[in-house]
Amino acid sequence: MSDYDNLQDYKAESTVSFDGKTCPNCGATVTFDPKTGEMACDYCGYHCKLPDPSTQGEICEIDFESAVNKESFEWGAEKKTVECKSCGAVTIYDALETAAVCPFCGSTHVMPNATENSIAPGAVCPFSVPKDKAGDYFTKWLKKKLFTPRKAKQSAQPEAFQGVYLPYWTFDAQTTNNFTARVGYNRTVKRGDKTETVTDWHSVSGVYQEFFDDETVMASKRHADSGVKQCEPFNFSKMVPYSPQVVAGFAAERYSIGLKDGWEEAQKKIQSKLRTDISQYAKGKWRADKVDSLRFSTLYSKITYKYLLMPVWISSFKFKEKVYQFVVNGQTGKVGGKAPVSALRVILAVLLGIGVCVGLYFLTK
């Protein structure tokens, strides 16, 4: 049974009206053009500029504790229907999709960016890498893969690209850390004809403070393993306040990892960085050679967040009946994903490495 046989089972949602969605010359749908940073008509070449970001209000950090809707959502758990205002066709979307293109007439569908139990995005980083350049970046990326078969490099062609705005959380937080550790000082001692390095250890304790700015967490469960993380980071200085015009013509997804779970993930990343930073701090403060047995507790304060939409191109290619998905950063062109691996090339590389090690061993004898 098709999903379309039970349209009455899904919540109907209206699209968002915004100025400039149709071309004044030919009536076709205008979409955001990454090449020019303007709204453009693909049929007659009409262009119009987006509103100046400086007139659209500030992109604000929001206090974490004051947030009401902090829970996560499940992708695919709910569906909704959207009736196209251009052709009247009804399309089924996942409840977390907030922008798409009508599969019947090609017009843009921009849906409400928040519901009564979710948070609205505060900003979006527009695409700056056009679709054709994304394909070029993919080709160059694949050619650099040492263990990828030559036939795959020669034949792989990305299938239809889809431009998608993915949800991200960014968190700012002040941390105050009480810590204890051991710092070590190396000295050389002579034992008979040999010299050894021994370490004298001393216990230390202290307080270390550090502010974290824009600690990022991808808020999509659907794309967690798609290669998106490999194509990070994004340039947050290019953000503009959210508007339907910017996402028009692309798919956009509402977060499925909620604010609460996103903050827990951010804390894991912060804790990992703090372990390194506190060790370096202790090593410098006590002018030590080594640090170990570090233990610390963290107090977080001044926690704020932003909910952002970030641009990626998603596509795939087929090699030997297997599909390989990859992602291209819509700002930088950095590529992430998996490529075919030749077992023969891996074996030859391992044998070559062993041969080099054996040769060096006998040369030093």
Protein backbone atom coordinates (compact mmCIF):
# COMPACT_ATOMS: atom_id res chain seq x y z
CA MET A 1 0.00 0.00 0.00
CA SER A 2 1.30 3.43 -0.94
CA ASP A 3 1.57 6.26 1.58
CA TYR A 4 -0.67 8.23 -0.75
CA ASP A 5 -3.59 5.81 -0.20
CA ASN A 6 -4.12 7.22 3.30
CA LEU A 7 -3.58 10.95 2.97
CA GLN A 8 -6.21 11.62 5.63
CA ASP A 9 -3.94 9.96 8.21
CA TYR A 10 -1.32 12.69 7.93
CA LYS A 11 -1.36 16.21 9.27
CA ALA A 12 -1.84 18.83 6.54
CA GLU A 13 0.62 21.70 6.63
CA SER A 14 0.60 24.95 4.67
CA THR A 15 3.63 26.42 2.95
CA VAL A 16 5.06 29.75 4.02
CA SER A 17 4.39 32.77 1.85
CA PHE A 18 7.31 35.05 1.08
CA ASP A 19 7.91 37.92 -1.31
CA GLY A 20 9.73 37.21 -4.55
CA LYS A 21 9.01 33.47 -4.84
CA THR A 22 7.85 33.80 -8.48
CA CYS A 23 9.68 35.43 -11.36
CA PRO A 24 8.08 38.76 -12.35
CA ASN A 25 9.15 38.19 -15.98
CA CYS A 26 7.99 34.63 -16.75
CA GLY A 27 6.16 33.45 -13.62
CA ALA A 28 8.53 30.54 -12.90
CA THR A 29 9.75 29.79 -9.38
CA VAL A 30 12.87 31.66 -8.28
CA THR A 31 15.39 29.95 -6.01
CA PHE A 32 18.60 30.87 -4.20
CA ASP A 33 21.65 30.81 -6.50
CA PRO A 34 24.92 29.88 -4.72
CA LYS A 35 27.01 31.40 -7.53
CA THR A 36 25.65 34.93 -7.09
CA GLY A 37 24.17 34.82 -3.60
CA GLU A 38 20.90 36.13 -5.06
CA MET A 39 17.44 34.81 -5.94
CA ALA A 40 17.42 33.63 -9.56
CA CYS A 41 15.10 32.28 -12.24
CA ASP A 42 16.58 29.30 -14.13
CA TYR A 43 14.32 29.94 -17.14
CA CYS A 44 14.74 33.59 -18.10
CA GLY A 45 17.82 34.63 -16.08
CA TYR A 46 16.05 37.08 -13.78
CA HIS A 47 18.00 37.95 -10.58
CA CYS A 48 17.07 39.87 -7.46
CA LYS A 49 19.07 40.55 -4.32
CA LEU A 50 18.19 39.21 -0.90
CA PRO A 51 17.47 41.72 1.87
CA ASP A 52 20.59 43.12 3.53
CA PRO A 53 21.37 40.90 6.57
CA SER A 54 22.13 44.02 8.60
CA THR A 55 18.48 45.07 8.27
CA GLN A 56 17.10 41.66 9.31
CA GLY A 57 17.95 41.76 13.01
CA GLU A 58 20.81 40.22 14.94
CA ILE A 59 21.76 36.56 15.19
CA CYS A 60 21.49 36.09 18.95
CA GLU A 61 22.89 33.65 21.43
CA ILE A 62 19.94 32.29 23.46
CA ASP A 63 20.12 31.39 27.13
CA PHE A 64 20.05 27.60 27.50
CA GLU A 65 18.16 27.53 30.80
CA SER A 66 15.32 29.65 29.44
CA ALA A 67 14.63 27.28 26.52
CA VAL A 68 11.26 25.53 26.81
CA ASN A 69 11.42 22.83 24.11
CA LYS A 70 14.56 20.74 24.67
CA GLU A 71 13.47 17.26 23.59
CA SER A 72 14.54 15.21 20.56
CA PHE A 73 12.37 13.91 17.70
CA GLU A 74 12.43 10.69 15.69
CA TRP A 75 12.91 10.90 11.92
CA GLY A 76 10.12 9.03 10.14
CA ALA A 77 7.87 8.82 13.20
CA GLU A 78 5.34 11.27 11.73
CA LYS A 79 4.32 12.36 8.22
CA LYS A 80 2.61 15.46 6.90
CA THR A 81 1.01 16.50 3.62
CA VAL A 82 1.65 19.74 1.77
CA GLU A 83 -0.55 21.00 -1.04
CA CYS A 84 1.43 22.83 -3.71
CA LYS A 85 0.11 26.35 -4.26
CA SER A 86 1.33 26.29 -7.87
CA CYS A 87 -0.09 23.04 -9.26
CA GLY A 88 -2.36 21.77 -6.47
CA ALA A 89 -0.54 18.44 -6.09
CA VAL A 90 -0.38 16.94 -2.60
CA THR A 91 3.01 15.63 -1.47
CA ILE A 92 3.88 13.61 1.64
CA TYR A 93 6.89 14.72 3.65
CA ASP A 94 8.47 13.62 6.87
CA ALA A 95 7.32 15.85 9.71
CA LEU A 96 10.88 17.09 10.22
CA GLU A 97 11.32 18.42 6.67
CA THR A 98 10.94 22.19 6.44
CA ALA A 99 11.79 22.89 2.78
CA ALA A 100 11.64 20.88 -0.42
CA VAL A 101 10.82 21.06 -4.13
CA CYS A 102 7.47 19.95 -5.55
CA PRO A 103 8.14 16.71 -7.48
CA PHE A 104 5.33 17.52 -9.91
CA CYS A 105 5.97 21.11 -11.02
CA GLY A 106 9.34 22.02 -9.49
CA SER A 107 8.08 24.91 -7.37
CA THR A 108 9.55 25.50 -3.94
CA HIS A 109 7.88 24.34 -0.74
CA VAL A 110 9.00 26.25 2.33
CA MET A 111 7.12 25.06 5.41
CA PRO A 112 6.91 26.51 8.92
CA ASN A 113 10.37 26.31 10.52
CA ALA A 114 9.01 25.46 13.98
CA THR A 115 5.99 23.88 15.61
CA GLU A 116 4.40 24.47 18.99
CA ASN A 117 6.81 21.95 20.56
CA SER A 118 10.01 22.76 18.65
CA ILE A 119 12.49 25.62 18.26
CA ALA A 120 12.83 27.84 15.19
CA PRO A 121 16.26 28.26 13.52
CA GLY A 122 17.91 31.58 14.23
CA ALA A 123 20.29 31.68 11.28
CA VAL A 124 21.34 29.94 8.10
CA CYS A 125 24.65 29.71 6.22
CA PRO A 126 23.74 30.05 2.52
CA PHE A 127 25.24 27.81 -0.17
CA SER A 128 28.32 29.29 -1.82
CA VAL A 129 29.42 26.17 -3.73
CA PRO A 130 27.18 25.58 -6.78
CA LYS A 131 26.14 22.09 -7.89
CA ASP A 132 28.64 21.78 -10.77
CA LYS A 133 31.57 22.74 -8.52
CA ALA A 134 30.44 20.17 -5.95
CA GLY A 135 30.84 17.52 -8.66
CA ASP A 136 34.36 18.78 -9.42
CA TYR A 137 35.32 18.60 -5.74
CA PHE A 138 34.03 15.02 -5.59
CA THR A 139 36.09 13.96 -8.62
CA LYS A 140 39.29 15.45 -7.17
CA TRP A 141 38.58 13.83 -3.78
CA LEU A 142 38.13 10.38 -5.32
CA LYS A 143 41.32 10.63 -7.39
CA LYS A 144 43.36 11.17 -4.21
CA LYS A 145 42.15 7.89 -2.65
CA LEU A 146 45.23 5.66 -2.74
CA PHE A 147 43.41 2.35 -2.20
CA THR A 148 40.47 3.03 -4.52
CA PRO A 149 40.48 0.92 -7.73
CA ARG A 150 41.38 2.79 -10.90
CA LYS A 151 38.17 1.68 -12.59
CA ALA A 152 36.15 3.27 -9.80
CA LYS A 153 38.00 6.57 -10.23
CA GLN A 154 37.45 6.52 -13.98
CA SER A 155 33.80 5.48 -13.99
CA ALA A 156 32.33 7.00 -10.85
CA GLN A 157 29.90 9.78 -11.66
CA PRO A 158 27.85 11.40 -8.91
CA GLU A 159 24.14 10.81 -9.32
CA ALA A 160 21.63 13.59 -8.88
CA PHE A 161 22.89 16.06 -6.27
CA GLN A 162 20.51 17.23 -3.60
CA GLY A 163 21.18 20.47 -1.78
CA VAL A 164 20.16 20.12 1.87
CA TYR A 165 20.21 22.47 4.86
CA LEU A 166 21.05 20.35 7.90
CA PRO A 167 20.28 21.38 11.50
CA TYR A 168 23.13 22.22 13.89
CA TRP A 169 23.36 23.38 17.48
CA THR A 170 26.20 25.62 18.63
CA PHE A 171 26.89 26.15 22.31
CA ASP A 172 28.88 28.78 24.22
CA ALA A 173 29.85 28.11 27.82
CA GLN A 174 32.21 29.32 30.53
CA THR A 175 33.92 26.45 32.36
CA THR A 176 35.57 26.49 35.79
CA ASN A 177 37.53 23.33 36.54
CA ASN A 178 38.94 22.07 39.84
CA PHE A 179 41.71 19.59 39.08
CA THR A 180 44.34 17.36 40.64
CA ALA A 181 47.23 15.75 38.80
CA ARG A 182 50.81 14.56 39.02
CA VAL A 183 53.57 16.51 37.28
CA GLY A 184 56.81 14.77 36.43
CA TYR A 185 60.38 16.01 36.07
CA ASN A 186 62.82 13.91 34.08
CA ARG A 187 66.44 13.42 35.10
CA THR A 188 69.20 11.21 33.77
CA VAL A 189 70.99 8.72 36.00
CA LYS A 190 73.93 6.49 35.24
CA ARG A 191 73.74 2.82 36.12
CA GLY A 192 77.06 1.18 35.34
CA ASP A 193 77.82 1.76 31.67
CA LYS A 194 74.25 2.76 30.83
CA THR A 195 72.23 5.91 31.41
CA GLU A 196 68.53 5.90 32.16
CA THR A 197 65.85 8.55 32.36
CA VAL A 198 63.82 8.52 35.55
CA THR A 199 60.88 10.73 36.46
CA ASP A 200 60.26 12.39 39.81
CA TRP A 201 56.52 12.86 40.40
CA HIS A 202 54.80 15.55 42.49
CA SER A 203 51.09 15.99 43.23
CA VAL A 204 49.52 19.32 42.27
CA SER A 205 46.04 20.86 42.26
CA GLY A 206 44.46 24.03 40.97
CA VAL A 207 41.63 25.80 39.16
CA TYR A 208 41.51 26.19 35.38
CA GLN A 209 39.01 28.38 33.49
CA GLU A 210 38.23 28.34 29.79
CA PHE A 211 35.44 29.78 27.62
CA PHE A 212 34.15 27.67 24.74
CA ASP A 213 32.68 29.45 21.73
CA ASP A 214 30.48 27.78 19.11
CA GLU A 215 30.95 24.15 20.13
CA THR A 216 29.02 22.47 17.32
CA VAL A 217 26.72 19.45 17.34
CA MET A 218 24.96 18.13 14.24
CA ALA A 219 21.29 17.82 15.18
CA SER A 220 20.28 15.18 12.63
CA LYS A 221 20.03 11.48 13.49
CA ARG A 222 19.28 10.73 9.85
CA HIS A 223 22.66 11.90 8.55
CA ALA A 224 24.86 10.94 11.51
CA ASP A 225 26.80 8.34 9.46
CA SER A 226 26.56 9.89 6.00
CA GLY A 227 29.98 11.56 5.90
CA VAL A 228 28.73 14.98 7.02
CA LYS A 229 31.14 15.13 9.96
CA GLN A 230 34.04 14.43 7.62
CA CYS A 231 33.22 17.51 5.54
CA GLU A 232 33.13 19.87 8.54
CA PRO A 233 33.90 22.55 9.67
CA PHE A 234 31.61 25.30 8.49
CA ASN A 235 32.36 29.01 8.45
CA PHE A 236 29.97 30.54 10.98
CA SER A 237 31.02 34.08 10.07
CA LYS A 238 28.91 33.71 6.90
CA MET A 239 25.64 33.27 8.79
CA VAL A 240 22.59 35.37 7.94
CA PRO A 241 19.29 35.54 9.84
CA TYR A 242 16.91 32.77 8.80
CA SER A 243 14.50 33.63 6.01
CA PRO A 244 12.39 31.47 3.65
CA GLN A 245 14.12 33.06 0.64
CA VAL A 246 17.51 31.58 1.51
CA VAL A 247 16.26 27.99 1.81
CA ALA A 248 13.95 28.22 -1.24
CA GLY A 249 14.83 25.59 -3.83
CA PHE A 250 16.66 23.31 -1.39
CA ALA A 251 15.61 20.63 1.07
CA ALA A 252 15.79 21.59 4.74
CA GLU A 253 15.48 19.45 7.83
CA ARG A 254 14.24 20.26 11.33
CA TYR A 255 16.38 18.93 14.17
CA SER A 256 15.84 15.37 15.46
CA ILE A 257 18.51 15.64 18.18
CA GLY A 258 16.92 18.05 20.66
CA LEU A 259 18.55 20.84 22.62
CA LYS A 260 18.95 18.72 25.76
CA ASP A 261 20.64 15.81 23.96
CA GLY A 262 22.66 18.24 21.87
CA TRP A 263 24.05 19.90 25.00
CA GLU A 264 25.00 16.50 26.44
CA GLU A 265 26.91 15.73 23.24
CA ALA A 266 28.60 19.14 23.35
CA GLN A 267 29.71 18.50 26.93
CA LYS A 268 31.44 15.27 25.85
CA LYS A 269 33.41 17.21 23.23
CA ILE A 270 34.23 19.98 25.70
CA GLN A 271 35.40 17.47 28.32
CA SER A 272 37.75 15.86 25.81
CA LYS A 273 39.27 19.24 24.94
CA LEU A 274 39.51 20.23 28.60
CA ARG A 275 41.54 17.11 29.41
CA THR A 276 44.15 18.16 26.85
CA ASP A 277 44.06 21.85 27.75
CA ILE A 278 44.33 21.31 31.52
CA SER A 279 47.26 18.93 31.02
CA GLN A 280 49.05 21.57 28.93
CA TYR A 281 48.21 24.24 31.52
CA ALA A 282 49.63 22.16 34.39
CA LYS A 283 52.71 21.27 32.39
CA GLY A 284 53.41 24.95 31.72
CA LYS A 285 52.49 26.28 35.16
CA TRP A 286 54.81 23.89 36.98
CA ARG A 287 57.33 23.69 34.13
CA ALA A 288 57.07 19.92 34.11
CA ASP A 289 58.11 17.37 31.53
CA LYS A 290 55.06 15.16 31.97
CA VAL A 291 51.55 15.18 33.41
CA ASP A 292 49.46 12.17 34.40
CA SER A 293 46.70 11.04 36.78
CA LEU A 294 44.64 14.11 35.82
CA ARG A 295 41.21 14.31 37.46
CA PHE A 296 38.89 17.30 37.21
CA SER A 297 35.32 18.43 37.79
CA THR A 298 33.66 21.11 35.67
CA LEU A 299 31.17 23.83 36.56
CA TYR A 300 29.37 25.28 33.52
CA SER A 301 27.99 28.82 33.49
CA LYS A 302 26.73 31.39 30.96
CA ILE A 303 25.46 28.61 28.67
CA THR A 304 23.93 29.88 25.44
CA TYR A 305 23.00 28.24 22.15
CA LYS A 306 22.14 28.93 18.52
CA TYR A 307 20.06 26.76 16.20
CA LEU A 308 21.50 26.95 12.67
CA LEU A 309 20.94 25.46 9.22
CA MET A 310 24.14 24.50 7.37
CA PRO A 311 24.46 23.71 3.62
CA VAL A 312 25.61 20.38 2.16
CA TRP A 313 25.36 18.68 -1.22
CA ILE A 314 24.45 14.99 -0.88
CA SER A 315 24.91 12.44 -3.65
CA SER A 316 26.09 8.91 -4.34
CA PHE A 317 27.74 6.76 -6.99
CA LYS A 318 27.61 3.04 -7.78
CA PHE A 319 30.57 0.70 -8.23
CA LYS A 320 30.22 -3.07 -8.58
CA GLU A 321 26.55 -2.93 -7.58
CA LYS A 322 27.34 -1.17 -4.30
CA VAL A 323 26.18 2.40 -3.58
CA TYR A 324 28.61 4.84 -1.97
CA GLN A 325 27.15 8.02 -0.47
CA PHE A 326 29.21 11.16 -0.10
CA VAL A 327 28.67 14.73 1.07
CA VAL A 328 30.16 18.02 -0.14
CA ASN A 329 30.32 21.01 2.20
CA GLY A 330 28.15 23.70 0.59
CA GLN A 331 30.49 26.44 1.82
CA THR A 332 34.03 25.08 1.47
CA GLY A 333 33.75 22.19 -0.99
CA LYS A 334 35.33 19.74 1.47
CA VAL A 335 34.18 16.17 0.74
CA GLY A 336 33.28 13.41 3.19
CA GLY A 337 32.12 9.87 2.64
CA LYS A 338 33.28 6.36 1.81
CA ALA A 339 35.08 5.22 -1.34
CA PRO A 340 35.63 1.71 -2.74
CA VAL A 341 38.75 -0.02 -1.41
CA SER A 342 40.83 -2.52 -3.39
CA ALA A 343 41.90 -5.42 -1.15
CA LEU A 344 44.79 -6.12 -3.53
CA ARG A 345 46.13 -2.58 -3.18
CA VAL A 346 45.92 -2.80 0.62
CA ILE A 347 47.81 -6.13 0.64
CA LEU A 348 50.51 -4.77 -1.68
CA ALA A 349 50.91 -1.67 0.53
CA VAL A 350 51.28 -3.85 3.65
CA LEU A 351 53.85 -6.09 1.95
CA LEU A 352 55.75 -3.04 0.74
CA GLY A 353 55.79 -1.62 4.27
CA ILE A 354 57.09 -4.91 5.68
CA GLY A 355 59.76 -5.04 2.99
CA VAL A 356 60.95 -1.53 3.80
CA CYS A 357 61.13 -2.32 7.54
CA VAL A 358 63.11 -5.53 6.91
CA GLY A 359 65.48 -3.69 4.58
CA LEU A 360 66.11 -0.94 7.13
CA TYR A 361 66.71 -3.57 9.82
CA PHE A 362 69.47 -5.28 7.84
CA LEU A 363 71.01 -1.95 6.76
CA THR A 364 71.43 -0.94 10.40
CA LYS A 365 73.05 -4.25 11.36
